[in-house]
Amino acid sequence: MRTLIRMLANVMIMLMPTLAAAQVAKEEGIGLMVWLFMGFGALIIVFQLFPGLALFAIMLREIFSHVPGKNPITATAKAKDKL
């Protein structure tokens, strides 16, 4: 029994710095590097969102604007007929 108590005491003594460090990290919260990383990820999303929305708007405009004679399929067919 005495050996078991000594062994548990030694394990607790060796684990105290680890337990103390875990408590400090819990109180600090999120560090600066984590905020910078999340901000960088948000910038990537935002800067990819604007060109994507612009291309989507252009695509919708081209789909719903019907101009006679501007159809690329018929224009290609007419050009082949002339040859």
C-alpha atoms as a PDB file:
ATOM      1  CA  MET A   1       0.000   0.000   0.000  1.00  0.00           C
ATOM      2  CA  ARG A   2       2.844   2.329   0.848  1.00  0.00           C
ATOM      3  CA  THR A   3       4.403   1.667  -2.578  1.00  0.00           C
ATOM      4  CA  LEU A   4       1.139   2.531  -4.319  1.00  0.00           C
ATOM      5  CA  ILE A   5       0.847   5.838  -2.449  1.00  0.00           C
ATOM      6  CA  ARG A   6       4.467   6.762  -3.289  1.00  0.00           C
ATOM      7  CA  MET A   7       3.900   5.895  -6.954  1.00  0.00           C
ATOM      8  CA  LEU A   8       0.733   8.031  -7.134  1.00  0.00           C
ATOM      9  CA  ALA A   9       2.522  10.895  -5.385  1.00  0.00           C
ATOM     10  CA  ASN A  10       5.379  10.726  -7.895  1.00  0.00           C
ATOM     11  CA  VAL A  11       2.957  10.692 -10.821  1.00  0.00           C
ATOM     12  CA  MET A  12       1.103  13.719  -9.425  1.00  0.00           C
ATOM     13  CA  ILE A  13       4.371  15.587  -8.892  1.00  0.00           C
ATOM     14  CA  MET A  14       5.416  14.912 -12.487  1.00  0.00           C
ATOM     15  CA  LEU A  15       2.015  15.942 -13.837  1.00  0.00           C
ATOM     16  CA  MET A  16       1.700  19.232 -11.936  1.00  0.00           C
ATOM     17  CA  PRO A  17       3.434  21.409 -14.596  1.00  0.00           C
ATOM     18  CA  THR A  18       1.165  19.928 -17.243  1.00  0.00           C
ATOM     19  CA  LEU A  19      -1.961  20.571 -15.213  1.00  0.00           C
ATOM     20  CA  ALA A  20      -0.824  24.125 -14.448  1.00  0.00           C
ATOM     21  CA  ALA A  21      -0.124  24.842 -18.126  1.00  0.00           C
ATOM     22  CA  ALA A  22      -3.550  23.537 -19.102  1.00  0.00           C
ATOM     23  CA  GLN A  23      -5.181  25.886 -16.612  1.00  0.00           C
ATOM     24  CA  VAL A  24      -3.248  28.911 -17.938  1.00  0.00           C
ATOM     25  CA  ALA A  25      -4.190  28.091 -21.513  1.00  0.00           C
ATOM     26  CA  LYS A  26      -7.840  27.766 -20.509  1.00  0.00           C
ATOM     27  CA  GLU A  27      -7.830  31.224 -18.915  1.00  0.00           C
ATOM     28  CA  GLU A  28      -6.074  32.974 -21.821  1.00  0.00           C
ATOM     29  CA  GLY A  29      -8.580  32.052 -24.489  1.00  0.00           C
ATOM     30  CA  ILE A  30      -7.700  32.268 -28.168  1.00  0.00           C
ATOM     31  CA  GLY A  31      -4.254  33.593 -28.985  1.00  0.00           C
ATOM     32  CA  LEU A  32      -3.191  36.189 -31.520  1.00  0.00           C
ATOM     33  CA  MET A  33      -1.996  33.664 -34.087  1.00  0.00           C
ATOM     34  CA  VAL A  34      -5.382  31.940 -34.119  1.00  0.00           C
ATOM     35  CA  TRP A  35      -7.124  35.273 -34.748  1.00  0.00           C
ATOM     36  CA  LEU A  36      -4.671  36.087 -37.548  1.00  0.00           C
ATOM     37  CA  PHE A  37      -5.222  32.692 -39.140  1.00  0.00           C
ATOM     38  CA  MET A  38      -9.010  33.048 -38.991  1.00  0.00           C
ATOM     39  CA  GLY A  39      -8.770  36.578 -40.408  1.00  0.00           C
ATOM     40  CA  PHE A  40      -6.607  35.351 -43.279  1.00  0.00           C
ATOM     41  CA  GLY A  41      -9.159  32.640 -44.055  1.00  0.00           C
ATOM     42  CA  ALA A  42     -11.959  35.216 -44.007  1.00  0.00           C
ATOM     43  CA  LEU A  43     -10.016  37.441 -46.420  1.00  0.00           C
ATOM     44  CA  ILE A  44      -9.607  34.550 -48.832  1.00  0.00           C
ATOM     45  CA  ILE A  45     -13.346  33.872 -48.763  1.00  0.00           C
ATOM     46  CA  VAL A  46     -14.251  37.550 -49.236  1.00  0.00           C
ATOM     47  CA  PHE A  47     -11.819  38.102 -52.106  1.00  0.00           C
ATOM     48  CA  GLN A  48     -13.109  35.007 -53.887  1.00  0.00           C
ATOM     49  CA  LEU A  49     -16.733  35.983 -53.295  1.00  0.00           C
ATOM     50  CA  PHE A  50     -16.666  39.254 -55.279  1.00  0.00           C
ATOM     51  CA  PRO A  51     -15.335  37.822 -58.573  1.00  0.00           C
ATOM     52  CA  GLY A  52     -17.675  34.857 -58.216  1.00  0.00           C
ATOM     53  CA  LEU A  53     -20.693  37.102 -57.775  1.00  0.00           C
ATOM     54  CA  ALA A  54     -19.592  39.273 -60.715  1.00  0.00           C
ATOM     55  CA  LEU A  55     -19.266  36.236 -62.989  1.00  0.00           C
ATOM     56  CA  PHE A  56     -22.650  34.959 -61.832  1.00  0.00           C
ATOM     57  CA  ALA A  57     -24.267  38.334 -62.598  1.00  0.00           C
ATOM     58  CA  ILE A  58     -22.683  38.399 -66.059  1.00  0.00           C
ATOM     59  CA  MET A  59     -23.866  34.864 -66.718  1.00  0.00           C
ATOM     60  CA  LEU A  60     -27.434  35.724 -65.726  1.00  0.00           C
ATOM     61  CA  ARG A  61     -27.371  38.878 -67.841  1.00  0.00           C
ATOM     62  CA  GLU A  62     -26.203  36.923 -70.894  1.00  0.00           C
ATOM     63  CA  ILE A  63     -28.765  34.183 -70.373  1.00  0.00           C
ATOM     64  CA  PHE A  64     -31.734  36.523 -70.028  1.00  0.00           C
ATOM     65  CA  SER A  65     -30.770  39.145 -72.597  1.00  0.00           C
ATOM     66  CA  HIS A  66     -31.951  37.942 -75.966  1.00  0.00           C
ATOM     67  CA  VAL A  67     -30.592  39.877 -78.921  1.00  0.00           C
ATOM     68  CA  PRO A  68     -31.460  38.510 -82.368  1.00  0.00           C
ATOM     69  CA  GLY A  69     -28.411  37.554 -84.410  1.00  0.00           C
ATOM     70  CA  LYS A  70     -26.103  37.471 -81.405  1.00  0.00           C
ATOM     71  CA  ASN A  71     -26.483  33.737 -80.805  1.00  0.00           C
ATOM     72  CA  PRO A  72     -22.958  32.257 -81.100  1.00  0.00           C
ATOM     73  CA  ILE A  73     -24.283  28.930 -82.372  1.00  0.00           C
ATOM     74  CA  THR A  74     -26.140  30.440 -85.327  1.00  0.00           C
ATOM     75  CA  ALA A  75     -23.284  32.867 -85.996  1.00  0.00           C
ATOM     76  CA  THR A  76     -20.871  29.943 -86.313  1.00  0.00           C
ATOM     77  CA  ALA A  77     -23.258  28.071 -88.583  1.00  0.00           C
ATOM     78  CA  LYS A  78     -23.684  31.139 -90.831  1.00  0.00           C
ATOM     79  CA  ALA A  79     -19.905  31.584 -91.040  1.00  0.00           C
ATOM     80  CA  LYS A  80     -19.485  27.941 -92.112  1.00  0.00           C
ATOM     81  CA  ASP A  81     -22.209  28.347 -94.763  1.00  0.00           C
ATOM     82  CA  LYS A  82     -20.346  31.306 -96.299  1.00  0.00           C
ATOM     83  CA  LEU A  83     -17.218  29.221 -96.787  1.00  0.00           C
END
